[in-house]
N, C-alpha and C. Protein backbone atom coordinates (compact mmCIF):
# COMPACT_ATOMS: atom_id res chain seq x y z
N MET A 1 0.83 -1.13 -0.01
CA MET A 1 0.01 -0.02 0.03
C MET A 1 0.92 1.23 0.04
N VAL A 2 0.61 2.21 -0.83
CA VAL A 2 1.29 3.48 -0.86
C VAL A 2 0.42 4.45 -0.12
N THR A 3 1.03 5.22 0.78
CA THR A 3 0.30 6.21 1.54
C THR A 3 0.95 7.57 1.43
N GLY A 4 0.21 8.57 1.88
CA GLY A 4 0.85 9.93 1.89
C GLY A 4 1.28 10.38 0.55
N MET A 5 0.42 10.19 -0.50
CA MET A 5 0.77 10.58 -1.88
C MET A 5 2.08 10.03 -2.34
N GLY A 6 2.40 8.83 -1.97
CA GLY A 6 3.62 8.15 -2.42
C GLY A 6 4.85 8.51 -1.63
N ILE A 7 4.68 9.14 -0.49
CA ILE A 7 5.79 9.47 0.31
C ILE A 7 6.35 8.31 1.06
N VAL A 8 5.46 7.43 1.52
CA VAL A 8 5.88 6.15 2.15
C VAL A 8 5.03 5.01 1.62
N THR A 9 5.63 3.84 1.76
CA THR A 9 4.86 2.62 1.42
C THR A 9 4.81 1.71 2.63
N VAL A 10 3.78 0.97 2.73
CA VAL A 10 3.60 -0.05 3.79
C VAL A 10 3.28 -1.37 3.14
N ASP A 11 4.21 -2.31 3.39
CA ASP A 11 4.06 -3.64 2.83
C ASP A 11 4.47 -4.65 3.91
N PRO A 12 3.55 -5.52 4.25
CA PRO A 12 3.86 -6.45 5.33
C PRO A 12 5.09 -7.32 5.06
N THR A 13 5.52 -7.40 3.79
CA THR A 13 6.71 -8.19 3.47
C THR A 13 8.03 -7.42 3.52
N VAL A 14 7.91 -6.09 3.76
CA VAL A 14 9.10 -5.23 3.89
C VAL A 14 9.13 -4.68 5.30
N LEU A 15 10.13 -5.12 6.00
CA LEU A 15 10.36 -4.70 7.42
C LEU A 15 9.07 -4.77 8.24
N TRP A 16 8.38 -5.93 8.05
CA TRP A 16 7.18 -6.22 8.87
C TRP A 16 6.10 -5.13 8.81
N GLY A 17 6.04 -4.41 7.70
CA GLY A 17 4.97 -3.40 7.52
C GLY A 17 5.34 -2.05 8.03
N THR A 18 6.59 -1.81 8.39
CA THR A 18 7.02 -0.55 8.82
C THR A 18 6.97 0.44 7.63
N PRO A 19 6.39 1.62 7.83
CA PRO A 19 6.40 2.62 6.74
C PRO A 19 7.81 2.92 6.27
N VAL A 20 8.06 2.74 4.98
CA VAL A 20 9.39 2.99 4.41
C VAL A 20 9.27 3.91 3.21
N PHE A 21 10.34 4.56 2.86
CA PHE A 21 10.32 5.35 1.65
C PHE A 21 10.25 4.42 0.41
N PRO A 22 9.47 4.81 -0.52
CA PRO A 22 9.17 3.94 -1.71
C PRO A 22 10.49 3.42 -2.37
N GLY A 23 10.47 2.12 -2.70
CA GLY A 23 11.59 1.56 -3.38
C GLY A 23 12.86 1.28 -2.51
N THR A 24 12.72 1.49 -1.12
CA THR A 24 13.81 1.34 -0.26
C THR A 24 13.36 0.49 0.91
N LYS A 25 14.28 0.20 1.77
CA LYS A 25 14.00 -0.44 3.06
C LYS A 25 14.36 0.58 4.17
N VAL A 26 14.31 1.85 3.86
CA VAL A 26 14.64 2.89 4.84
C VAL A 26 13.32 3.33 5.48
N PRO A 27 13.21 3.10 6.82
CA PRO A 27 12.03 3.52 7.51
C PRO A 27 11.90 5.04 7.53
N ALA A 28 10.71 5.51 7.29
CA ALA A 28 10.48 6.95 7.25
C ALA A 28 10.85 7.55 8.62
N GLU A 29 10.60 6.79 9.69
CA GLU A 29 10.96 7.23 11.05
C GLU A 29 12.47 7.61 11.15
N THR A 30 13.28 6.96 10.36
CA THR A 30 14.68 7.23 10.46
C THR A 30 15.00 8.69 10.14
N LEU A 31 14.30 9.22 9.16
CA LEU A 31 14.54 10.68 8.80
C LEU A 31 14.22 11.51 10.02
N PHE A 32 13.12 11.30 10.74
CA PHE A 32 12.79 12.16 11.84
C PHE A 32 13.69 11.88 13.03
N ASP A 33 14.20 10.71 13.17
CA ASP A 33 15.20 10.42 14.18
C ASP A 33 16.46 11.20 13.95
N TYR A 34 16.94 11.26 12.69
CA TYR A 34 18.10 12.08 12.34
C TYR A 34 17.88 13.58 12.70
N LEU A 35 16.70 14.08 12.31
CA LEU A 35 16.44 15.47 12.54
C LEU A 35 16.35 15.73 13.99
N GLU A 36 15.70 14.86 14.76
CA GLU A 36 15.54 15.01 16.19
C GLU A 36 16.95 15.02 16.87
N GLN A 37 17.89 14.24 16.35
CA GLN A 37 19.22 14.24 16.90
C GLN A 37 20.09 15.42 16.47
N GLY A 38 19.57 16.34 15.66
CA GLY A 38 20.27 17.48 15.25
C GLY A 38 21.05 17.34 14.00
N GLU A 39 20.82 16.23 13.33
CA GLU A 39 21.49 16.00 11.98
C GLU A 39 20.76 16.81 10.93
N THR A 40 21.48 17.08 9.84
CA THR A 40 20.86 17.78 8.74
C THR A 40 20.27 16.83 7.74
N LEU A 41 19.37 17.35 6.92
CA LEU A 41 18.77 16.66 5.84
C LEU A 41 19.91 16.11 4.93
N ASP A 42 20.88 16.92 4.67
CA ASP A 42 21.99 16.51 3.82
C ASP A 42 22.73 15.27 4.35
N THR A 43 22.90 15.25 5.68
CA THR A 43 23.53 14.07 6.32
C THR A 43 22.68 12.80 6.14
N PHE A 44 21.35 12.93 6.37
CA PHE A 44 20.45 11.83 6.17
C PHE A 44 20.58 11.33 4.70
N LEU A 45 20.53 12.25 3.78
CA LEU A 45 20.55 11.83 2.35
C LEU A 45 21.92 11.25 1.94
N ARG A 46 22.96 11.66 2.56
CA ARG A 46 24.29 11.12 2.33
C ARG A 46 24.29 9.63 2.92
N ASP A 47 23.75 9.47 4.07
CA ASP A 47 23.70 8.15 4.69
C ASP A 47 22.73 7.13 4.05
N PHE A 48 21.70 7.74 3.44
CA PHE A 48 20.67 6.87 2.77
C PHE A 48 20.43 7.35 1.33
N PRO A 49 21.40 7.14 0.46
CA PRO A 49 21.31 7.70 -0.88
C PRO A 49 20.13 7.09 -1.75
N SER A 50 19.50 6.07 -1.25
CA SER A 50 18.34 5.50 -1.97
C SER A 50 17.10 6.37 -1.85
N VAL A 51 17.14 7.31 -0.88
CA VAL A 51 16.03 8.22 -0.61
C VAL A 51 16.28 9.53 -1.36
N SER A 52 15.39 9.94 -2.20
CA SER A 52 15.59 11.20 -2.94
C SER A 52 15.36 12.44 -2.00
N ARG A 53 15.99 13.49 -2.37
CA ARG A 53 15.73 14.73 -1.64
C ARG A 53 14.25 15.14 -1.73
N ALA A 54 13.68 14.95 -2.92
CA ALA A 54 12.25 15.32 -3.13
C ALA A 54 11.35 14.55 -2.17
N THR A 55 11.64 13.25 -2.05
CA THR A 55 10.77 12.41 -1.15
C THR A 55 10.98 12.75 0.27
N ALA A 56 12.23 12.98 0.74
CA ALA A 56 12.49 13.35 2.12
C ALA A 56 11.82 14.74 2.43
N THR A 57 11.95 15.66 1.50
CA THR A 57 11.39 16.97 1.74
C THR A 57 9.84 16.86 1.85
N ALA A 58 9.28 16.07 0.97
CA ALA A 58 7.83 15.86 0.96
C ALA A 58 7.37 15.20 2.28
N ALA A 59 8.16 14.30 2.87
CA ALA A 59 7.87 13.73 4.16
C ALA A 59 7.85 14.79 5.22
N ILE A 60 8.85 15.65 5.25
CA ILE A 60 8.93 16.73 6.23
C ILE A 60 7.74 17.69 6.09
N ARG A 61 7.47 18.09 4.89
CA ARG A 61 6.32 18.98 4.62
C ARG A 61 4.98 18.30 5.04
N GLY A 62 4.87 17.05 4.72
CA GLY A 62 3.61 16.32 5.12
C GLY A 62 3.47 16.21 6.61
N ALA A 63 4.56 15.94 7.31
CA ALA A 63 4.48 15.87 8.74
C ALA A 63 4.10 17.26 9.32
N GLY A 64 4.63 18.36 8.74
CA GLY A 64 4.28 19.68 9.21
C GLY A 64 2.82 19.97 8.95
N ARG A 65 2.32 19.50 7.81
CA ARG A 65 0.84 19.78 7.55
C ARG A 65 -0.04 19.04 8.57
N VAL A 66 0.38 17.80 8.90
CA VAL A 66 -0.41 17.06 9.87
C VAL A 66 -0.39 17.80 11.27
N LEU A 67 0.75 18.24 11.69
CA LEU A 67 0.80 19.00 12.95
C LEU A 67 0.00 20.22 12.96
N ILE A 68 0.01 20.94 11.83
CA ILE A 68 -0.83 22.17 11.77
C ILE A 68 -2.30 21.84 11.79
N GLU A 69 -2.68 20.77 11.08
CA GLU A 69 -4.08 20.34 11.07
C GLU A 69 -4.51 19.90 12.49
N VAL A 70 -3.68 19.14 13.14
CA VAL A 70 -4.03 18.68 14.48
C VAL A 70 -4.16 19.89 15.43
N GLY A 71 -3.33 20.88 15.26
CA GLY A 71 -3.39 22.04 16.08
C GLY A 71 -4.67 22.83 15.85
N ARG A 72 -5.06 22.92 14.58
CA ARG A 72 -6.35 23.59 14.24
C ARG A 72 -7.53 22.88 14.80
N GLU A 73 -7.49 21.54 14.67
CA GLU A 73 -8.64 20.78 15.24
C GLU A 73 -8.72 20.87 16.75
N SER A 74 -7.59 20.94 17.41
CA SER A 74 -7.55 21.09 18.85
C SER A 74 -8.09 22.45 19.27
N ALA A 75 -7.72 23.48 18.50
CA ALA A 75 -8.19 24.83 18.77
C ALA A 75 -9.73 24.95 18.58
N GLU A 76 -10.25 24.31 17.55
CA GLU A 76 -11.60 24.34 17.28
C GLU A 76 -12.46 23.54 18.31
N ALA A 77 -11.85 22.54 18.84
CA ALA A 77 -12.55 21.69 19.88
C ALA A 77 -12.56 22.40 21.24
N SER A 78 -11.70 23.39 21.41
CA SER A 78 -11.67 24.08 22.69
C SER A 78 -12.78 25.04 22.89
């Protein structure tokens, strides 16, 4: 299954269904782990060359959109 407009794929035969970047075995969570640890996007891309800059950037933007939407929904519920 492809989710998030092709940003990640979920396949039970690839890393037990962990969301990965399409065409790779790189968990999407790894990108966020790198950023959380203070690493740069360039470092992540150097360490995982199978992930394109466009895909990694789309993942970051998508996560940002989700956070903004959750914030709006929380504000509306208050």
